[in-house]
């Protein structure tokens, strides 16, 4: 399998495409640490969410159809997510100004984090490059209250993802013996 992955990477490079992957990122691993600014230029570090469940979702671009659908579904389902002790964090390569406009336009009440360098997306295997263009892939990571990756979604359907996550979180929490800290 490894030679096939190398051949695929070589083909992407030959075509001027690049998909950054965190090859060793797996369920049970510590989630890669980060500190990023949100739409209000407030700093957020993953460590700030210790003792909470985190849905860390990467998305390609603010105010595009799929990204808007996904974000608005998270917004609409936020009371149910909070009841499950979940903090939603969205990440794209857009800047804080773009995030502020997107959040205001759609009344998004959760942090949208600006990964303008792509370093966090790269750490999570969610960075996609096409020549000079770069964007985050639509990937989601569920991080448990101990900072461990509990679930990875590499194929996300924006219209149904929030509901799918709610069901998965209920199942994950049944088997979790970690601490609980309510989400404000």
N, C-alpha and C. Protein backbone atom coordinates (compact mmCIF):
# COMPACT_ATOMS: atom_id res chain seq x y z
N UNK A 1 0.82 -1.19 0.00
CA UNK A 1 0.00 0.00 0.00
C UNK A 1 0.86 1.26 0.00
N UNK A 2 1.98 1.24 0.72
CA UNK A 2 2.85 2.41 0.79
C UNK A 2 3.39 2.80 -0.58
N UNK A 3 3.87 1.84 -1.43
CA UNK A 3 4.33 2.24 -2.77
C UNK A 3 3.22 2.89 -3.59
N UNK A 4 1.98 2.42 -3.42
CA UNK A 4 0.85 3.01 -4.14
C UNK A 4 0.62 4.45 -3.69
N UNK A 5 0.74 4.72 -2.38
CA UNK A 5 0.60 6.09 -1.89
C UNK A 5 1.68 6.99 -2.46
N UNK A 6 2.91 6.48 -2.51
CA UNK A 6 4.02 7.27 -3.07
C UNK A 6 3.79 7.54 -4.54
N UNK A 7 3.29 6.56 -5.26
CA UNK A 7 3.01 6.75 -6.69
C UNK A 7 1.92 7.79 -6.88
N UNK A 8 0.90 7.75 -6.04
CA UNK A 8 -0.17 8.73 -6.11
C UNK A 8 0.34 10.13 -5.82
N UNK A 9 1.21 10.26 -4.81
CA UNK A 9 1.79 11.56 -4.48
C UNK A 9 2.65 12.08 -5.63
N UNK A 10 3.39 11.17 -6.25
CA UNK A 10 4.24 11.57 -7.39
C UNK A 10 3.38 12.04 -8.55
N UNK A 11 2.27 11.37 -8.81
CA UNK A 11 1.37 11.77 -9.89
C UNK A 11 0.77 13.15 -9.61
N UNK A 12 0.35 13.38 -8.36
CA UNK A 12 -0.18 14.69 -7.99
C UNK A 12 0.86 15.78 -8.20
N UNK A 13 2.10 15.50 -7.79
CA UNK A 13 3.18 16.49 -7.95
C UNK A 13 3.43 16.77 -9.42
N UNK A 14 3.41 15.72 -10.25
CA UNK A 14 3.63 15.88 -11.68
C UNK A 14 2.55 16.77 -12.30
N UNK A 15 1.34 16.67 -11.81
CA UNK A 15 0.23 17.46 -12.33
C UNK A 15 0.14 18.85 -11.68
N UNK A 16 1.06 19.14 -10.75
CA UNK A 16 1.03 20.44 -10.08
C UNK A 16 0.03 20.49 -8.95
N UNK A 17 -0.39 19.35 -8.48
CA UNK A 17 -1.36 19.27 -7.39
C UNK A 17 -0.65 18.72 -6.17
N UNK A 18 -1.14 19.09 -5.00
CA UNK A 18 -0.53 18.57 -3.79
C UNK A 18 -1.62 18.43 -2.73
N UNK A 19 -1.64 17.30 -2.07
CA UNK A 19 -2.56 17.08 -0.97
C UNK A 19 -1.74 16.77 0.27
N UNK A 20 -1.70 17.70 1.20
CA UNK A 20 -0.94 17.49 2.43
C UNK A 20 -1.70 16.52 3.32
N UNK A 21 -1.05 15.49 3.76
CA UNK A 21 -1.67 14.49 4.61
C UNK A 21 -0.86 14.31 5.89
N UNK A 22 -1.52 14.16 6.98
CA UNK A 22 -0.88 13.80 8.23
C UNK A 22 -1.02 12.29 8.33
N UNK A 23 -0.05 11.58 7.77
CA UNK A 23 -0.13 10.13 7.60
C UNK A 23 -0.38 9.39 8.91
N UNK A 24 0.16 9.88 10.02
CA UNK A 24 0.02 9.15 11.27
C UNK A 24 -1.15 9.61 12.13
N UNK A 25 -1.96 10.54 11.63
CA UNK A 25 -3.11 11.03 12.38
C UNK A 25 -4.19 9.96 12.39
N UNK A 26 -4.56 9.49 13.58
CA UNK A 26 -5.53 8.41 13.69
C UNK A 26 -6.35 8.56 14.96
N UNK A 27 -7.43 7.84 15.03
CA UNK A 27 -8.28 7.83 16.22
C UNK A 27 -7.43 7.37 17.40
N UNK A 28 -7.55 8.08 18.51
CA UNK A 28 -6.78 7.77 19.71
C UNK A 28 -5.52 8.58 19.86
N UNK A 29 -5.07 9.22 18.77
CA UNK A 29 -3.88 10.08 18.84
C UNK A 29 -4.24 11.43 19.46
N UNK A 30 -3.24 12.08 20.07
CA UNK A 30 -3.48 13.45 20.52
C UNK A 30 -3.78 14.34 19.32
N UNK A 31 -4.75 15.21 19.46
CA UNK A 31 -5.08 16.15 18.38
C UNK A 31 -3.95 17.18 18.29
N UNK A 32 -3.51 17.52 17.08
CA UNK A 32 -2.46 18.53 16.94
C UNK A 32 -2.89 19.86 17.57
N UNK A 33 -1.99 20.43 18.35
CA UNK A 33 -2.25 21.70 19.03
C UNK A 33 -2.26 22.85 18.02
N UNK A 34 -2.98 23.89 18.36
CA UNK A 34 -3.00 25.09 17.51
C UNK A 34 -3.44 26.29 18.32
N UNK A 35 -3.10 27.46 17.81
CA UNK A 35 -3.62 28.73 18.31
C UNK A 35 -3.91 29.57 17.08
N UNK A 36 -5.18 29.98 16.91
CA UNK A 36 -5.61 30.76 15.76
C UNK A 36 -6.56 31.87 16.21
N UNK A 37 -6.71 32.89 15.37
CA UNK A 37 -7.65 33.97 15.63
C UNK A 37 -9.01 33.67 15.00
N UNK A 38 -10.07 34.11 15.68
CA UNK A 38 -11.41 33.93 15.13
C UNK A 38 -11.89 35.19 14.42
N UNK A 39 -13.16 35.23 14.06
CA UNK A 39 -13.75 36.34 13.32
C UNK A 39 -13.76 37.65 14.10
N UNK A 40 -13.57 37.58 15.40
CA UNK A 40 -13.51 38.78 16.24
C UNK A 40 -12.07 39.07 16.68
N UNK A 41 -11.11 38.42 16.05
CA UNK A 41 -9.67 38.47 16.34
C UNK A 41 -9.34 38.02 17.77
N UNK A 42 -10.18 37.16 18.31
CA UNK A 42 -9.93 36.54 19.61
C UNK A 42 -9.11 35.26 19.37
N UNK A 43 -8.12 35.05 20.21
CA UNK A 43 -7.24 33.89 20.08
C UNK A 43 -7.90 32.64 20.68
N UNK A 44 -7.80 31.53 19.96
CA UNK A 44 -8.32 30.24 20.42
C UNK A 44 -7.22 29.20 20.30
N UNK A 45 -6.99 28.48 21.38
CA UNK A 45 -6.05 27.36 21.39
C UNK A 45 -6.84 26.10 21.69
N UNK A 46 -6.45 25.00 21.11
CA UNK A 46 -7.14 23.74 21.39
C UNK A 46 -7.10 23.45 22.89
N UNK A 47 -6.00 23.80 23.55
CA UNK A 47 -5.86 23.56 24.99
C UNK A 47 -6.95 24.27 25.80
N UNK A 48 -7.52 25.37 25.27
CA UNK A 48 -8.59 26.09 25.97
C UNK A 48 -9.86 25.25 26.09
N UNK A 49 -9.95 24.20 25.30
CA UNK A 49 -11.18 23.40 25.26
C UNK A 49 -11.01 22.04 25.93
N UNK A 50 -9.96 21.91 26.74
CA UNK A 50 -9.76 20.69 27.51
C UNK A 50 -11.00 20.48 28.37
N UNK A 51 -11.40 19.26 28.60
CA UNK A 51 -12.58 18.88 29.37
C UNK A 51 -13.89 19.10 28.62
N UNK A 52 -13.81 19.40 27.32
CA UNK A 52 -15.00 19.53 26.47
C UNK A 52 -14.80 18.68 25.21
N UNK A 53 -15.89 18.30 24.62
CA UNK A 53 -15.85 17.69 23.29
C UNK A 53 -15.72 18.83 22.28
N UNK A 54 -14.93 18.61 21.25
CA UNK A 54 -14.75 19.62 20.21
C UNK A 54 -15.05 19.00 18.86
N UNK A 55 -15.87 19.68 18.08
CA UNK A 55 -16.04 19.35 16.67
C UNK A 55 -15.24 20.39 15.91
N UNK A 56 -14.11 19.94 15.36
CA UNK A 56 -13.21 20.80 14.61
C UNK A 56 -13.46 20.50 13.14
N UNK A 57 -14.12 21.46 12.47
CA UNK A 57 -14.45 21.19 11.07
C UNK A 57 -13.71 22.15 10.15
N UNK A 58 -13.06 21.57 9.16
CA UNK A 58 -12.35 22.33 8.13
C UNK A 58 -13.29 22.49 6.95
N UNK A 59 -13.25 23.65 6.33
CA UNK A 59 -14.09 23.90 5.17
C UNK A 59 -13.32 24.75 4.17
N UNK A 60 -13.65 24.63 2.87
CA UNK A 60 -12.85 25.30 1.84
C UNK A 60 -12.90 26.81 1.81
N UNK A 61 -14.09 27.43 1.89
CA UNK A 61 -14.16 28.87 1.64
C UNK A 61 -15.43 29.46 2.25
N UNK A 62 -15.28 30.63 2.88
CA UNK A 62 -16.43 31.35 3.43
C UNK A 62 -17.43 31.70 2.33
N UNK A 63 -18.71 31.64 2.70
CA UNK A 63 -19.81 32.12 1.86
C UNK A 63 -19.89 31.44 0.49
N UNK A 64 -19.58 30.15 0.45
CA UNK A 64 -19.80 29.35 -0.75
C UNK A 64 -20.92 28.37 -0.42
N UNK A 65 -21.59 27.81 -1.41
CA UNK A 65 -22.81 27.02 -1.13
C UNK A 65 -22.65 25.89 -0.11
N UNK A 66 -21.71 24.99 -0.31
CA UNK A 66 -21.55 23.86 0.62
C UNK A 66 -21.12 24.31 2.00
N UNK A 67 -20.21 25.28 2.04
CA UNK A 67 -19.70 25.78 3.32
C UNK A 67 -20.79 26.51 4.10
N UNK A 68 -21.63 27.24 3.39
CA UNK A 68 -22.74 27.95 4.03
C UNK A 68 -23.76 26.95 4.57
N UNK A 69 -24.09 25.94 3.80
CA UNK A 69 -25.03 24.91 4.24
C UNK A 69 -24.53 24.24 5.51
N UNK A 70 -23.25 23.84 5.51
CA UNK A 70 -22.68 23.16 6.66
C UNK A 70 -22.68 24.08 7.89
N UNK A 71 -22.22 25.31 7.74
CA UNK A 71 -22.15 26.25 8.86
C UNK A 71 -23.54 26.57 9.41
N UNK A 72 -24.51 26.78 8.54
CA UNK A 72 -25.87 27.10 9.00
C UNK A 72 -26.52 25.91 9.70
N UNK A 73 -26.21 24.70 9.27
CA UNK A 73 -26.72 23.53 9.98
C UNK A 73 -26.11 23.41 11.36
N UNK A 74 -24.82 23.70 11.48
CA UNK A 74 -24.20 23.73 12.82
C UNK A 74 -24.86 24.81 13.67
N UNK A 75 -25.11 25.97 13.09
CA UNK A 75 -25.77 27.06 13.81
C UNK A 75 -27.16 26.61 14.31
N UNK A 76 -27.94 26.02 13.42
CA UNK A 76 -29.30 25.62 13.76
C UNK A 76 -29.32 24.49 14.80
N UNK A 77 -28.29 23.64 14.78
CA UNK A 77 -28.22 22.51 15.70
C UNK A 77 -27.39 22.80 16.95
N UNK A 78 -26.96 24.05 17.13
CA UNK A 78 -26.09 24.39 18.24
C UNK A 78 -26.70 24.05 19.61
N UNK A 79 -27.99 24.29 19.87
CA UNK A 79 -28.53 23.90 21.18
C UNK A 79 -28.37 22.39 21.45
N UNK A 80 -28.59 21.57 20.45
CA UNK A 80 -28.42 20.12 20.63
C UNK A 80 -26.95 19.77 20.84
N UNK A 81 -26.06 20.46 20.15
CA UNK A 81 -24.63 20.21 20.32
C UNK A 81 -24.19 20.63 21.73
N UNK A 82 -24.66 21.76 22.19
CA UNK A 82 -24.30 22.22 23.53
C UNK A 82 -24.82 21.27 24.60
N UNK A 83 -25.99 20.70 24.36
CA UNK A 83 -26.54 19.72 25.30
C UNK A 83 -25.64 18.48 25.39
N UNK A 84 -24.87 18.25 24.34
CA UNK A 84 -23.91 17.13 24.33
C UNK A 84 -22.51 17.57 24.79
N UNK A 85 -22.39 18.79 25.32
CA UNK A 85 -21.11 19.32 25.80
C UNK A 85 -20.10 19.48 24.66
N UNK A 86 -20.57 20.00 23.53
CA UNK A 86 -19.72 20.12 22.34
C UNK A 86 -19.46 21.58 22.00
N UNK A 87 -18.20 21.88 21.70
CA UNK A 87 -17.79 23.18 21.17
C UNK A 87 -17.54 23.01 19.68
N UNK A 88 -18.19 23.81 18.86
CA UNK A 88 -17.97 23.80 17.41
C UNK A 88 -16.88 24.82 17.09
N UNK A 89 -15.89 24.41 16.29
CA UNK A 89 -14.86 25.31 15.79
C UNK A 89 -14.71 25.07 14.29
N UNK A 90 -14.91 26.10 13.49
CA UNK A 90 -14.71 26.00 12.05
C UNK A 90 -13.35 26.57 11.68
N UNK A 91 -12.68 25.96 10.70
CA UNK A 91 -11.38 26.45 10.24
C UNK A 91 -11.34 26.45 8.72
N UNK A 92 -10.89 27.58 8.17
CA UNK A 92 -10.56 27.64 6.74
C UNK A 92 -9.32 28.52 6.59
N UNK A 93 -8.84 28.65 5.38
CA UNK A 93 -7.67 29.48 5.13
C UNK A 93 -8.03 30.95 4.91
N UNK A 94 -9.32 31.28 4.99
CA UNK A 94 -9.77 32.66 4.87
C UNK A 94 -9.26 33.46 6.06
N UNK A 95 -9.17 34.78 5.90
CA UNK A 95 -8.69 35.64 6.99
C UNK A 95 -9.83 36.02 7.94
N UNK A 96 -9.48 36.71 9.02
CA UNK A 96 -10.47 37.07 10.03
C UNK A 96 -11.55 38.00 9.49
N UNK A 97 -11.18 38.89 8.57
CA UNK A 97 -12.17 39.81 7.99
C UNK A 97 -13.22 39.03 7.19
N UNK A 98 -12.78 38.07 6.39
CA UNK A 98 -13.71 37.24 5.63
C UNK A 98 -14.61 36.45 6.58
N UNK A 99 -14.01 35.89 7.64
CA UNK A 99 -14.80 35.15 8.63
C UNK A 99 -15.83 36.05 9.30
N UNK A 100 -15.44 37.29 9.61
CA UNK A 100 -16.37 38.22 10.27
C UNK A 100 -17.58 38.51 9.37
N UNK A 101 -17.33 38.72 8.09
CA UNK A 101 -18.43 38.98 7.15
C UNK A 101 -19.34 37.75 7.02
N UNK A 102 -18.73 36.57 6.92
CA UNK A 102 -19.49 35.32 6.81
C UNK A 102 -20.32 35.08 8.07
N UNK A 103 -19.70 35.23 9.23
CA UNK A 103 -20.40 35.01 10.50
C UNK A 103 -21.56 35.99 10.67
N UNK A 104 -21.33 37.26 10.31
CA UNK A 104 -22.38 38.27 10.45
C UNK A 104 -23.54 37.99 9.48
N UNK A 105 -23.21 37.70 8.23
CA UNK A 105 -24.24 37.46 7.21
C UNK A 105 -25.19 36.33 7.59
N UNK A 106 -24.64 35.27 8.20
CA UNK A 106 -25.45 34.09 8.52
C UNK A 106 -25.67 33.88 10.02
N UNK A 107 -25.35 34.88 10.83
CA UNK A 107 -25.53 34.81 12.29
C UNK A 107 -24.91 33.53 12.88
N UNK A 108 -23.65 33.31 12.56
CA UNK A 108 -22.95 32.12 13.05
C UNK A 108 -22.38 32.41 14.44
N UNK A 109 -22.88 31.72 15.47
CA UNK A 109 -22.51 32.04 16.85
C UNK A 109 -21.33 31.25 17.41
N UNK A 110 -20.54 30.63 16.57
CA UNK A 110 -19.39 29.86 17.04
C UNK A 110 -18.13 30.37 16.33
N UNK A 111 -16.96 30.09 16.90
CA UNK A 111 -15.72 30.60 16.32
C UNK A 111 -15.41 30.02 14.94
N UNK A 112 -15.03 30.91 14.03
CA UNK A 112 -14.48 30.55 12.73
C UNK A 112 -13.03 30.98 12.77
N UNK A 113 -12.13 30.02 12.70
CA UNK A 113 -10.71 30.29 12.91
C UNK A 113 -9.98 30.46 11.60
N UNK A 114 -9.09 31.45 11.57
CA UNK A 114 -8.35 31.81 10.35
C UNK A 114 -6.98 31.13 10.34
N UNK A 115 -6.85 30.13 9.49
CA UNK A 115 -5.59 29.39 9.31
C UNK A 115 -4.94 29.88 8.02
N UNK A 116 -4.56 31.15 7.99
CA UNK A 116 -4.10 31.76 6.74
C UNK A 116 -2.80 31.16 6.21
N UNK A 117 -2.00 30.55 7.06
CA UNK A 117 -0.76 29.91 6.60
C UNK A 117 -1.01 28.48 6.13
N UNK A 118 -2.13 27.89 6.54
CA UNK A 118 -2.43 26.50 6.20
C UNK A 118 -1.73 25.50 7.10
N UNK A 119 -1.01 25.97 8.11
CA UNK A 119 -0.26 25.06 8.98
C UNK A 119 -1.14 24.10 9.76
N UNK A 120 -2.27 24.59 10.27
CA UNK A 120 -3.16 23.72 11.05
C UNK A 120 -3.84 22.72 10.11
N UNK A 121 -4.32 23.19 8.98
CA UNK A 121 -4.93 22.27 7.99
C UNK A 121 -3.92 21.20 7.60
N UNK A 122 -2.67 21.57 7.40
CA UNK A 122 -1.62 20.60 7.05
C UNK A 122 -1.44 19.58 8.17
N UNK A 123 -1.41 20.03 9.42
CA UNK A 123 -1.22 19.14 10.57
C UNK A 123 -2.35 18.11 10.68
N UNK A 124 -3.53 18.50 10.23
CA UNK A 124 -4.68 17.59 10.28
C UNK A 124 -4.91 16.86 8.95
N UNK A 125 -4.02 17.04 7.98
CA UNK A 125 -4.17 16.37 6.69
C UNK A 125 -5.32 16.92 5.89
N UNK A 126 -5.65 18.19 6.10
CA UNK A 126 -6.80 18.81 5.44
C UNK A 126 -6.42 19.95 4.50
N UNK A 127 -5.16 20.00 4.10
CA UNK A 127 -4.71 21.06 3.19
C UNK A 127 -4.63 20.52 1.77
N UNK A 128 -5.21 21.26 0.84
CA UNK A 128 -5.21 20.87 -0.57
C UNK A 128 -4.63 22.03 -1.37
N UNK A 129 -3.67 21.73 -2.24
CA UNK A 129 -3.07 22.75 -3.09
C UNK A 129 -3.25 22.37 -4.54
N UNK A 130 -3.64 23.34 -5.34
CA UNK A 130 -3.73 23.19 -6.79
C UNK A 130 -2.88 24.32 -7.36
N UNK A 131 -1.67 23.97 -7.75
CA UNK A 131 -0.74 25.01 -8.17
C UNK A 131 -0.55 26.01 -7.05
N UNK A 132 -0.73 27.31 -7.31
CA UNK A 132 -0.55 28.31 -6.25
C UNK A 132 -1.78 28.45 -5.33
N UNK A 133 -2.90 27.85 -5.72
CA UNK A 133 -4.12 27.95 -4.90
C UNK A 133 -4.11 26.91 -3.79
N UNK A 134 -4.52 27.34 -2.59
CA UNK A 134 -4.60 26.43 -1.45
C UNK A 134 -5.94 26.62 -0.76
N UNK A 135 -6.48 25.52 -0.26
CA UNK A 135 -7.69 25.62 0.54
C UNK A 135 -7.79 24.41 1.45
N UNK A 136 -8.65 24.51 2.45
CA UNK A 136 -8.88 23.40 3.37
C UNK A 136 -9.88 22.44 2.75
N UNK A 137 -9.61 21.17 2.92
CA UNK A 137 -10.57 20.14 2.51
C UNK A 137 -11.70 20.11 3.54
N UNK A 138 -12.84 19.60 3.12
CA UNK A 138 -13.99 19.49 4.02
C UNK A 138 -13.82 18.21 4.86
N UNK A 139 -13.09 18.35 5.96
CA UNK A 139 -12.83 17.27 6.90
C UNK A 139 -13.27 17.71 8.28
N UNK A 140 -13.67 16.75 9.09
CA UNK A 140 -14.09 17.04 10.46
C UNK A 140 -13.41 16.07 11.42
N UNK A 141 -13.04 16.60 12.58
CA UNK A 141 -12.42 15.81 13.63
C UNK A 141 -13.19 16.02 14.91
N UNK A 142 -13.57 14.91 15.54
CA UNK A 142 -14.19 14.98 16.87
C UNK A 142 -13.05 14.72 17.85
N UNK A 143 -12.88 15.66 18.78
CA UNK A 143 -11.81 15.59 19.76
C UNK A 143 -12.45 15.43 21.13
N UNK A 144 -12.01 14.43 21.88
CA UNK A 144 -12.62 14.15 23.18
C UNK A 144 -12.11 15.12 24.25
N UNK A 145 -12.70 15.11 25.44
CA UNK A 145 -12.31 16.06 26.49
C UNK A 145 -10.85 15.93 26.96
N UNK A 146 -10.19 14.84 26.62
CA UNK A 146 -8.78 14.66 26.96
C UNK A 146 -7.85 15.09 25.84
N UNK A 147 -8.41 15.65 24.76
CA UNK A 147 -7.59 16.12 23.65
C UNK A 147 -7.19 15.04 22.66
N UNK A 148 -7.86 13.90 22.70
CA UNK A 148 -7.58 12.80 21.79
C UNK A 148 -8.57 12.81 20.62
N UNK A 149 -8.11 12.41 19.46
CA UNK A 149 -9.01 12.32 18.30
C UNK A 149 -9.91 11.11 18.51
N UNK A 150 -11.22 11.36 18.52
CA UNK A 150 -12.20 10.31 18.75
C UNK A 150 -12.84 9.83 17.45
N UNK A 151 -12.88 10.69 16.44
CA UNK A 151 -13.50 10.34 15.16
C UNK A 151 -12.95 11.26 14.08
N UNK A 152 -12.75 10.70 12.88
CA UNK A 152 -12.28 11.47 11.73
C UNK A 152 -13.26 11.27 10.59
N UNK A 153 -13.68 12.38 9.99
CA UNK A 153 -14.55 12.34 8.81
C UNK A 153 -13.77 12.94 7.65
N UNK A 154 -13.45 12.13 6.66
CA UNK A 154 -12.74 12.62 5.48
C UNK A 154 -13.70 12.84 4.31
N UNK A 155 -14.88 12.26 4.38
CA UNK A 155 -15.91 12.43 3.34
C UNK A 155 -17.15 13.01 4.00
N UNK A 156 -17.35 14.30 3.80
CA UNK A 156 -18.42 15.01 4.50
C UNK A 156 -19.48 15.47 3.52
N UNK A 157 -20.73 15.22 3.87
CA UNK A 157 -21.88 15.73 3.11
C UNK A 157 -22.43 16.91 3.90
N UNK A 158 -22.24 18.16 3.41
CA UNK A 158 -22.61 19.35 4.20
C UNK A 158 -24.05 19.36 4.70
N UNK A 159 -24.99 18.90 3.91
CA UNK A 159 -26.41 18.99 4.29
C UNK A 159 -26.78 18.09 5.47
N UNK A 160 -26.08 16.98 5.66
CA UNK A 160 -26.46 16.04 6.72
C UNK A 160 -25.40 15.86 7.80
N UNK A 161 -24.29 16.56 7.68
CA UNK A 161 -23.16 16.32 8.57
C UNK A 161 -23.44 16.64 10.04
N UNK A 162 -24.10 17.73 10.32
CA UNK A 162 -24.37 18.10 11.70
C UNK A 162 -25.20 17.03 12.41
N UNK A 163 -26.23 16.55 11.75
CA UNK A 163 -27.08 15.50 12.34
C UNK A 163 -26.30 14.20 12.52
N UNK A 164 -25.48 13.87 11.52
CA UNK A 164 -24.63 12.68 11.61
C UNK A 164 -23.70 12.78 12.82
N UNK A 165 -23.13 13.96 13.02
CA UNK A 165 -22.23 14.16 14.16
C UNK A 165 -22.96 14.01 15.49
N UNK A 166 -24.17 14.51 15.57
CA UNK A 166 -24.92 14.39 16.83
C UNK A 166 -25.10 12.94 17.22
N UNK A 167 -25.45 12.11 16.26
CA UNK A 167 -25.64 10.68 16.54
C UNK A 167 -24.32 10.03 16.96
N UNK A 168 -23.25 10.37 16.25
CA UNK A 168 -21.94 9.80 16.56
C UNK A 168 -21.45 10.26 17.93
N UNK A 169 -21.67 11.52 18.25
CA UNK A 169 -21.25 12.04 19.55
C UNK A 169 -21.98 11.33 20.69
N UNK A 170 -23.24 11.06 20.52
CA UNK A 170 -24.00 10.33 21.55
C UNK A 170 -23.37 8.96 21.78
N UNK A 171 -23.01 8.27 20.71
CA UNK A 171 -22.40 6.95 20.82
C UNK A 171 -21.01 7.04 21.46
N UNK A 172 -20.22 8.02 21.03
CA UNK A 172 -18.87 8.17 21.58
C UNK A 172 -18.92 8.50 23.08
N UNK A 173 -19.86 9.35 23.47
CA UNK A 173 -19.94 9.76 24.86
C UNK A 173 -20.38 8.63 25.78
N UNK A 174 -21.16 7.69 25.27
CA UNK A 174 -21.59 6.55 26.09
C UNK A 174 -20.39 5.75 26.57
N UNK A 175 -19.36 5.65 25.73
CA UNK A 175 -18.20 4.86 26.09
C UNK A 175 -17.06 5.66 26.67
N UNK A 176 -17.28 6.94 26.92
CA UNK A 176 -16.20 7.81 27.40
C UNK A 176 -16.31 8.02 28.90
N UNK A 177 -15.21 7.84 29.60
CA UNK A 177 -15.21 7.98 31.05
C UNK A 177 -14.49 9.25 31.50
N UNK A 178 -14.20 10.17 30.57
CA UNK A 178 -13.45 11.39 30.89
C UNK A 178 -14.28 12.43 31.59
N UNK A 179 -13.65 13.51 31.92
CA UNK A 179 -14.30 14.61 32.64
C UNK A 179 -15.28 15.35 31.75
N UNK A 180 -16.24 16.02 32.39
CA UNK A 180 -17.21 16.85 31.67
C UNK A 180 -17.15 18.27 32.23
N UNK A 181 -17.09 19.21 31.33
CA UNK A 181 -17.15 20.63 31.71
C UNK A 181 -18.18 21.26 30.79
N UNK A 182 -19.25 21.85 31.32
CA UNK A 182 -20.31 22.39 30.46
C UNK A 182 -19.78 23.47 29.50
N UNK A 183 -20.35 23.48 28.31
CA UNK A 183 -20.02 24.50 27.32
C UNK A 183 -20.87 25.71 27.64
N UNK A 184 -20.24 26.90 27.76
CA UNK A 184 -21.02 28.10 28.09
C UNK A 184 -21.92 28.51 26.94
